[in-house]
């Protein structure tokens, strides 16, 4: 029984680490896009998409964090 609980906790920790890495990567890309953006339609679409992905990743991270508390 304890092994199953420990395994689930470890799995959640690994997922949190992956989410944080993904968020940081997307935020870095977004910062770059903000700094060089010339407001072309494709760039605006990409920026909007990246912002949405970041929001979704933060929601997942919050959900996992709430489950642990």
PDB file of N, CA and C in Angstrom:
ATOM      1  N   UNK A   1       0.821  -1.189   0.000  1.00  0.00           N
ATOM      2  CA  UNK A   1       0.000   0.000   0.000  1.00  0.00           C
ATOM      3  C   UNK A   1       0.867   1.256   0.000  1.00  0.00           C
ATOM      4  N   UNK A   2       1.867   1.311   0.872  1.00  0.00           N
ATOM      5  CA  UNK A   2       2.743   2.471   0.930  1.00  0.00           C
ATOM      6  C   UNK A   2       3.519   2.663  -0.365  1.00  0.00           C
ATOM      7  N   UNK A   3       3.839   1.544  -1.009  1.00  0.00           N
ATOM      8  CA  UNK A   3       4.570   1.626  -2.277  1.00  0.00           C
ATOM      9  C   UNK A   3       3.732   2.335  -3.336  1.00  0.00           C
ATOM     10  N   UNK A   4       2.439   2.047  -3.377  1.00  0.00           N
ATOM     11  CA  UNK A   4       1.550   2.694  -4.348  1.00  0.00           C
ATOM     12  C   UNK A   4       1.452   4.185  -4.090  1.00  0.00           C
ATOM     13  N   UNK A   5       1.341   4.562  -2.837  1.00  0.00           N
ATOM     14  CA  UNK A   5       1.257   5.981  -2.472  1.00  0.00           C
ATOM     15  C   UNK A   5       2.560   6.687  -2.830  1.00  0.00           C
ATOM     16  N   UNK A   6       3.665   6.082  -2.471  1.00  0.00           N
ATOM     17  CA  UNK A   6       4.972   6.655  -2.762  1.00  0.00           C
ATOM     18  C   UNK A   6       5.178   6.800  -4.264  1.00  0.00           C
ATOM     19  N   UNK A   7       4.772   5.801  -5.010  1.00  0.00           N
ATOM     20  CA  UNK A   7       4.899   5.838  -6.462  1.00  0.00           C
ATOM     21  C   UNK A   7       4.077   6.975  -7.058  1.00  0.00           C
ATOM     22  N   UNK A   8       2.872   7.153  -6.557  1.00  0.00           N
ATOM     23  CA  UNK A   8       2.008   8.230  -7.057  1.00  0.00           C
ATOM     24  C   UNK A   8       2.598   9.596  -6.726  1.00  0.00           C
ATOM     25  N   UNK A   9       3.112   9.758  -5.527  1.00  0.00           N
ATOM     26  CA  UNK A   9       3.724  11.024  -5.121  1.00  0.00           C
ATOM     27  C   UNK A   9       4.944  11.314  -5.990  1.00  0.00           C
ATOM     28  N   UNK A  10       5.753  10.307  -6.223  1.00  0.00           N
ATOM     29  CA  UNK A  10       6.937  10.475  -7.062  1.00  0.00           C
ATOM     30  C   UNK A  10       6.524  10.842  -8.489  1.00  0.00           C
ATOM     31  N   UNK A  11       5.507  10.200  -8.991  1.00  0.00           N
ATOM     32  CA  UNK A  11       5.005  10.484 -10.331  1.00  0.00           C
ATOM     33  C   UNK A  11       4.516  11.933 -10.426  1.00  0.00           C
ATOM     34  N   UNK A  12       3.818  12.397  -9.401  1.00  0.00           N
ATOM     35  CA  UNK A  12       3.329  13.778  -9.382  1.00  0.00           C
ATOM     36  C   UNK A  12       4.489  14.763  -9.318  1.00  0.00           C
ATOM     37  N   UNK A  13       5.511  14.442  -8.543  1.00  0.00           N
ATOM     38  CA  UNK A  13       6.680  15.319  -8.459  1.00  0.00           C
ATOM     39  C   UNK A  13       7.377  15.429  -9.809  1.00  0.00           C
ATOM     40  N   UNK A  14       7.510  14.317 -10.497  1.00  0.00           N
ATOM     41  CA  UNK A  14       8.150  14.328 -11.814  1.00  0.00           C
ATOM     42  C   UNK A  14       7.317  15.128 -12.810  1.00  0.00           C
ATOM     43  N   UNK A  15       6.000  14.992 -12.719  1.00  0.00           N
ATOM     44  CA  UNK A  15       5.120  15.752 -13.608  1.00  0.00           C
ATOM     45  C   UNK A  15       5.224  17.248 -13.317  1.00  0.00           C
ATOM     46  N   UNK A  16       5.315  17.612 -12.042  1.00  0.00           N
ATOM     47  CA  UNK A  16       5.481  19.017 -11.683  1.00  0.00           C
ATOM     48  C   UNK A  16       6.776  19.575 -12.245  1.00  0.00           C
ATOM     49  N   UNK A  17       7.852  18.808 -12.153  1.00  0.00           N
ATOM     50  CA  UNK A  17       9.143  19.248 -12.675  1.00  0.00           C
ATOM     51  C   UNK A  17       9.057  19.446 -14.187  1.00  0.00           C
ATOM     52  N   UNK A  18       8.436  18.500 -14.886  1.00  0.00           N
ATOM     53  CA  UNK A  18       8.272  18.616 -16.340  1.00  0.00           C
ATOM     54  C   UNK A  18       7.435  19.842 -16.706  1.00  0.00           C
ATOM     55  N   UNK A  19       6.365  20.085 -15.964  1.00  0.00           N
ATOM     56  CA  UNK A  19       5.515  21.243 -16.225  1.00  0.00           C
ATOM     57  C   UNK A  19       6.285  22.543 -16.019  1.00  0.00           C
ATOM     58  N   UNK A  20       7.048  22.611 -14.946  1.00  0.00           N
ATOM     59  CA  UNK A  20       7.828  23.820 -14.668  1.00  0.00           C
ATOM     60  C   UNK A  20       8.850  24.073 -15.777  1.00  0.00           C
ATOM     61  N   UNK A  21       9.502  23.019 -16.237  1.00  0.00           N
ATOM     62  CA  UNK A  21      10.468  23.165 -17.339  1.00  0.00           C
ATOM     63  C   UNK A  21       9.774  23.655 -18.607  1.00  0.00           C
ATOM     64  N   UNK A  22       8.616  23.086 -18.909  1.00  0.00           N
ATOM     65  CA  UNK A  22       7.869  23.498 -20.100  1.00  0.00           C
ATOM     66  C   UNK A  22       7.429  24.952 -19.999  1.00  0.00           C
ATOM     67  N   UNK A  23       6.978  25.343 -18.826  1.00  0.00           N
ATOM     68  CA  UNK A  23       6.551  26.729 -18.616  1.00  0.00           C
ATOM     69  C   UNK A  23       7.729  27.672 -18.818  1.00  0.00           C
ATOM     70  N   UNK A  24       8.862  27.346 -18.230  1.00  0.00           N
ATOM     71  CA  UNK A  24      10.039  28.211 -18.367  1.00  0.00           C
ATOM     72  C   UNK A  24      10.472  28.328 -19.823  1.00  0.00           C
ATOM     73  N   UNK A  25      10.469  27.218 -20.540  1.00  0.00           N
ATOM     74  CA  UNK A  25      10.851  27.243 -21.956  1.00  0.00           C
ATOM     75  C   UNK A  25       9.915  28.141 -22.763  1.00  0.00           C
ATOM     76  N   UNK A  26       8.618  27.980 -22.550  1.00  0.00           N
ATOM     77  CA  UNK A  26       7.649  28.798 -23.275  1.00  0.00           C
ATOM     78  C   UNK A  26       7.757  30.273 -22.893  1.00  0.00           C
ATOM     79  N   UNK A  27       7.990  30.554 -21.615  1.00  0.00           N
ATOM     80  CA  UNK A  27       8.137  31.942 -21.197  1.00  0.00           C
ATOM     81  C   UNK A  27       9.371  32.586 -21.828  1.00  0.00           C
ATOM     82  N   UNK A  28      10.447  31.825 -21.974  1.00  0.00           N
ATOM     83  CA  UNK A  28      11.640  32.350 -22.633  1.00  0.00           C
ATOM     84  C   UNK A  28      11.359  32.631 -24.106  1.00  0.00           C
ATOM     85  N   UNK A  29      10.666  31.713 -24.771  1.00  0.00           N
ATOM     86  CA  UNK A  29      10.298  31.931 -26.171  1.00  0.00           C
ATOM     87  C   UNK A  29       9.425  33.169 -26.306  1.00  0.00           C
ATOM     88  N   UNK A  30       8.492  33.308 -25.389  1.00  0.00           N
ATOM     89  CA  UNK A  30       7.579  34.439 -25.423  1.00  0.00           C
ATOM     90  C   UNK A  30       8.329  35.756 -25.232  1.00  0.00           C
ATOM     91  N   UNK A  31       9.255  35.786 -24.295  1.00  0.00           N
ATOM     92  CA  UNK A  31      10.052  36.993 -24.086  1.00  0.00           C
ATOM     93  C   UNK A  31      10.818  37.359 -25.354  1.00  0.00           C
ATOM     94  N   UNK A  32      11.376  36.347 -26.002  1.00  0.00           N
ATOM     95  CA  UNK A  32      12.091  36.593 -27.251  1.00  0.00           C
ATOM     96  C   UNK A  32      11.145  37.149 -28.312  1.00  0.00           C
ATOM     97  N   UNK A  33       9.972  36.534 -28.429  1.00  0.00           N
ATOM     98  CA  UNK A  33       9.006  36.992 -29.431  1.00  0.00           C
ATOM     99  C   UNK A  33       8.549  38.425 -29.149  1.00  0.00           C
ATOM    100  N   UNK A  34       8.368  38.769 -27.872  1.00  0.00           N
ATOM    101  CA  UNK A  34       7.991  40.141 -27.525  1.00  0.00           C
ATOM    102  C   UNK A  34       9.084  41.117 -27.932  1.00  0.00           C
ATOM    103  N   UNK A  35      10.332  40.714 -27.773  1.00  0.00           N
ATOM    104  CA  UNK A  35      11.441  41.628 -28.042  1.00  0.00           C
ATOM    105  C   UNK A  35      11.700  41.828 -29.533  1.00  0.00           C
ATOM    106  N   UNK A  36      11.367  40.838 -30.366  1.00  0.00           N
ATOM    107  CA  UNK A  36      11.653  40.956 -31.801  1.00  0.00           C
ATOM    108  C   UNK A  36      10.391  41.038 -32.654  1.00  0.00           C
ATOM    109  N   UNK A  37       9.254  40.985 -32.029  1.00  0.00           N
ATOM    110  CA  UNK A  37       7.999  40.944 -32.773  1.00  0.00           C
ATOM    111  C   UNK A  37       7.797  42.210 -33.597  1.00  0.00           C
ATOM    112  N   UNK A  38       7.397  41.990 -34.828  1.00  0.00           N
ATOM    113  CA  UNK A  38       7.068  43.104 -35.718  1.00  0.00           C
ATOM    114  C   UNK A  38       5.565  43.135 -35.975  1.00  0.00           C
ATOM    115  N   UNK A  39       4.832  42.429 -35.141  1.00  0.00           N
ATOM    116  CA  UNK A  39       3.370  42.387 -35.178  1.00  0.00           C
ATOM    117  C   UNK A  39       2.828  41.792 -36.477  1.00  0.00           C
ATOM    118  N   UNK A  40       3.541  40.840 -37.033  1.00  0.00           N
ATOM    119  CA  UNK A  40       3.026  40.120 -38.185  1.00  0.00           C
ATOM    120  C   UNK A  40       1.947  39.162 -37.691  1.00  0.00           C
ATOM    121  N   UNK A  41       0.948  38.892 -38.520  1.00  0.00           N
ATOM    122  CA  UNK A  41      -0.156  38.011 -38.088  1.00  0.00           C
ATOM    123  C   UNK A  41       0.304  36.649 -37.558  1.00  0.00           C
ATOM    124  N   UNK A  42       1.282  36.038 -38.220  1.00  0.00           N
ATOM    125  CA  UNK A  42       1.768  34.740 -37.754  1.00  0.00           C
ATOM    126  C   UNK A  42       2.420  34.843 -36.382  1.00  0.00           C
ATOM    127  N   UNK A  43       3.151  35.922 -36.160  1.00  0.00           N
ATOM    128  CA  UNK A  43       3.788  36.113 -34.860  1.00  0.00           C
ATOM    129  C   UNK A  43       2.748  36.347 -33.774  1.00  0.00           C
ATOM    130  N   UNK A  44       1.726  37.103 -34.085  1.00  0.00           N
ATOM    131  CA  UNK A  44       0.659  37.363 -33.119  1.00  0.00           C
ATOM    132  C   UNK A  44      -0.064  36.068 -32.773  1.00  0.00           C
ATOM    133  N   UNK A  45      -0.316  35.235 -33.768  1.00  0.00           N
ATOM    134  CA  UNK A  45      -0.954  33.937 -33.524  1.00  0.00           C
ATOM    135  C   UNK A  45      -0.074  33.064 -32.628  1.00  0.00           C
ATOM    136  N   UNK A  46       1.232  33.056 -32.917  1.00  0.00           N
ATOM    137  CA  UNK A  46       2.151  32.244 -32.124  1.00  0.00           C
ATOM    138  C   UNK A  46       2.195  32.734 -30.673  1.00  0.00           C
ATOM    139  N   UNK A  47       2.284  34.048 -30.502  1.00  0.00           N
ATOM    140  CA  UNK A  47       2.327  34.622 -29.159  1.00  0.00           C
ATOM    141  C   UNK A  47       1.054  34.274 -28.394  1.00  0.00           C
ATOM    142  N   UNK A  48      -0.085  34.406 -29.027  1.00  0.00           N
ATOM    143  CA  UNK A  48      -1.357  34.076 -28.378  1.00  0.00           C
ATOM    144  C   UNK A  48      -1.404  32.597 -27.998  1.00  0.00           C
ATOM    145  N   UNK A  49      -0.941  31.759 -28.902  1.00  0.00           N
ATOM    146  CA  UNK A  49      -0.923  30.318 -28.651  1.00  0.00           C
ATOM    147  C   UNK A  49       0.007  29.980 -27.485  1.00  0.00           C
ATOM    148  N   UNK A  50       1.171  30.587 -27.453  1.00  0.00           N
ATOM    149  CA  UNK A  50       2.133  30.335 -26.378  1.00  0.00           C
ATOM    150  C   UNK A  50       1.577  30.804 -25.036  1.00  0.00           C
ATOM    151  N   UNK A  51       0.926  31.955 -25.032  1.00  0.00           N
ATOM    152  CA  UNK A  51       0.323  32.457 -23.794  1.00  0.00           C
ATOM    153  C   UNK A  51      -0.750  31.494 -23.284  1.00  0.00           C
ATOM    154  N   UNK A  52      -1.545  30.972 -24.200  1.00  0.00           N
ATOM    155  CA  UNK A  52      -2.596  30.023 -23.826  1.00  0.00           C
ATOM    156  C   UNK A  52      -1.982  28.733 -23.262  1.00  0.00           C
ATOM    157  N   UNK A  53      -0.920  28.242 -23.916  1.00  0.00           N
ATOM    158  CA  UNK A  53      -0.246  27.031 -23.443  1.00  0.00           C
ATOM    159  C   UNK A  53       0.315  27.232 -22.042  1.00  0.00           C
ATOM    160  N   UNK A  54       0.904  28.397 -21.800  1.00  0.00           N
ATOM    161  CA  UNK A  54       1.466  28.692 -20.482  1.00  0.00           C
ATOM    162  C   UNK A  54       0.362  28.687 -19.432  1.00  0.00           C
ATOM    163  N   UNK A  55      -0.755  29.329 -19.742  1.00  0.00           N
ATOM    164  CA  UNK A  55      -1.885  29.347 -18.802  1.00  0.00           C
ATOM    165  C   UNK A  55      -2.365  27.934 -18.486  1.00  0.00           C
ATOM    166  N   UNK A  56      -2.471  27.096 -19.513  1.00  0.00           N
ATOM    167  CA  UNK A  56      -2.921  25.715 -19.313  1.00  0.00           C
ATOM    168  C   UNK A  56      -1.927  24.922 -18.459  1.00  0.00           C
ATOM    169  N   UNK A  57      -0.641  25.135 -18.687  1.00  0.00           N
ATOM    170  CA  UNK A  57       0.378  24.439 -17.903  1.00  0.00           C
ATOM    171  C   UNK A  57       0.340  24.881 -16.443  1.00  0.00           C
ATOM    172  N   UNK A  58       0.136  26.187 -16.216  1.00  0.00           N
ATOM    173  CA  UNK A  58       0.017  26.668 -14.836  1.00  0.00           C
ATOM    174  C   UNK A  58      -1.209  26.066 -14.155  1.00  0.00           C
ATOM    175  N   UNK A  59      -2.307  25.914 -14.892  1.00  0.00           N
ATOM    176  CA  UNK A  59      -3.507  25.294 -14.328  1.00  0.00           C
ATOM    177  C   UNK A  59      -3.234  23.840 -13.922  1.00  0.00           C
ATOM    178  N   UNK A  60      -2.537  23.104 -14.788  1.00  0.00           N
ATOM    179  CA  UNK A  60      -2.179  21.722 -14.467  1.00  0.00           C
ATOM    180  C   UNK A  60      -1.290  21.663 -13.227  1.00  0.00           C
ATOM    181  N   UNK A  61      -0.315  22.574 -13.175  1.00  0.00           N
ATOM    182  CA  UNK A  61       0.599  22.619 -12.043  1.00  0.00           C
ATOM    183  C   UNK A  61      -0.155  22.922 -10.750  1.00  0.00           C
ATOM    184  N   UNK A  62      -1.082  23.877 -10.811  1.00  0.00           N
ATOM    185  CA  UNK A  62      -1.892  24.211  -9.638  1.00  0.00           C
ATOM    186  C   UNK A  62      -2.734  23.022  -9.195  1.00  0.00           C
ATOM    187  N   UNK A  63      -3.294  22.317 -10.158  1.00  0.00           N
ATOM    188  CA  UNK A  63      -4.135  21.153  -9.831  1.00  0.00           C
ATOM    189  C   UNK A  63      -3.320  20.073  -9.121  1.00  0.00           C
ATOM    190  N   UNK A  64      -2.130  19.798  -9.626  1.00  0.00           N
ATOM    191  CA  UNK A  64      -1.265  18.794  -9.002  1.00  0.00           C
ATOM    192  C   UNK A  64      -0.847  19.248  -7.615  1.00  0.00           C
ATOM    193  N   UNK A  65      -0.515  20.515  -7.480  1.00  0.00           N
ATOM    194  CA  UNK A  65      -0.107  21.061  -6.175  1.00  0.00           C
ATOM    195  C   UNK A  65      -1.244  20.979  -5.171  1.00  0.00           C
ATOM    196  N   UNK A  66      -2.467  21.269  -5.624  1.00  0.00           N
ATOM    197  CA  UNK A  66      -3.634  21.200  -4.738  1.00  0.00           C
ATOM    198  C   UNK A  66      -3.908  19.768  -4.284  1.00  0.00           C
ATOM    199  N   UNK A  67      -3.675  18.805  -5.154  1.00  0.00           N
ATOM    200  CA  UNK A  67      -3.887  17.405  -4.800  1.00  0.00           C
ATOM    201  C   UNK A  67      -2.933  16.962  -3.693  1.00  0.00           C
ATOM    202  N   UNK A  68      -1.752  17.558  -3.665  1.00  0.00           N
ATOM    203  CA  UNK A  68      -0.759  17.187  -2.659  1.00  0.00           C
ATOM    204  C   UNK A  68      -1.024  17.832  -1.304  1.00  0.00           C
ATOM    205  N   UNK A  69      -1.868  18.831  -1.276  1.00  0.00           N
ATOM    206  CA  UNK A  69      -2.145  19.528   0.002  1.00  0.00           C
ATOM    207  C   UNK A  69      -3.418  19.071   0.633  1.00  0.00           C
TER     208      UNK A  69
END
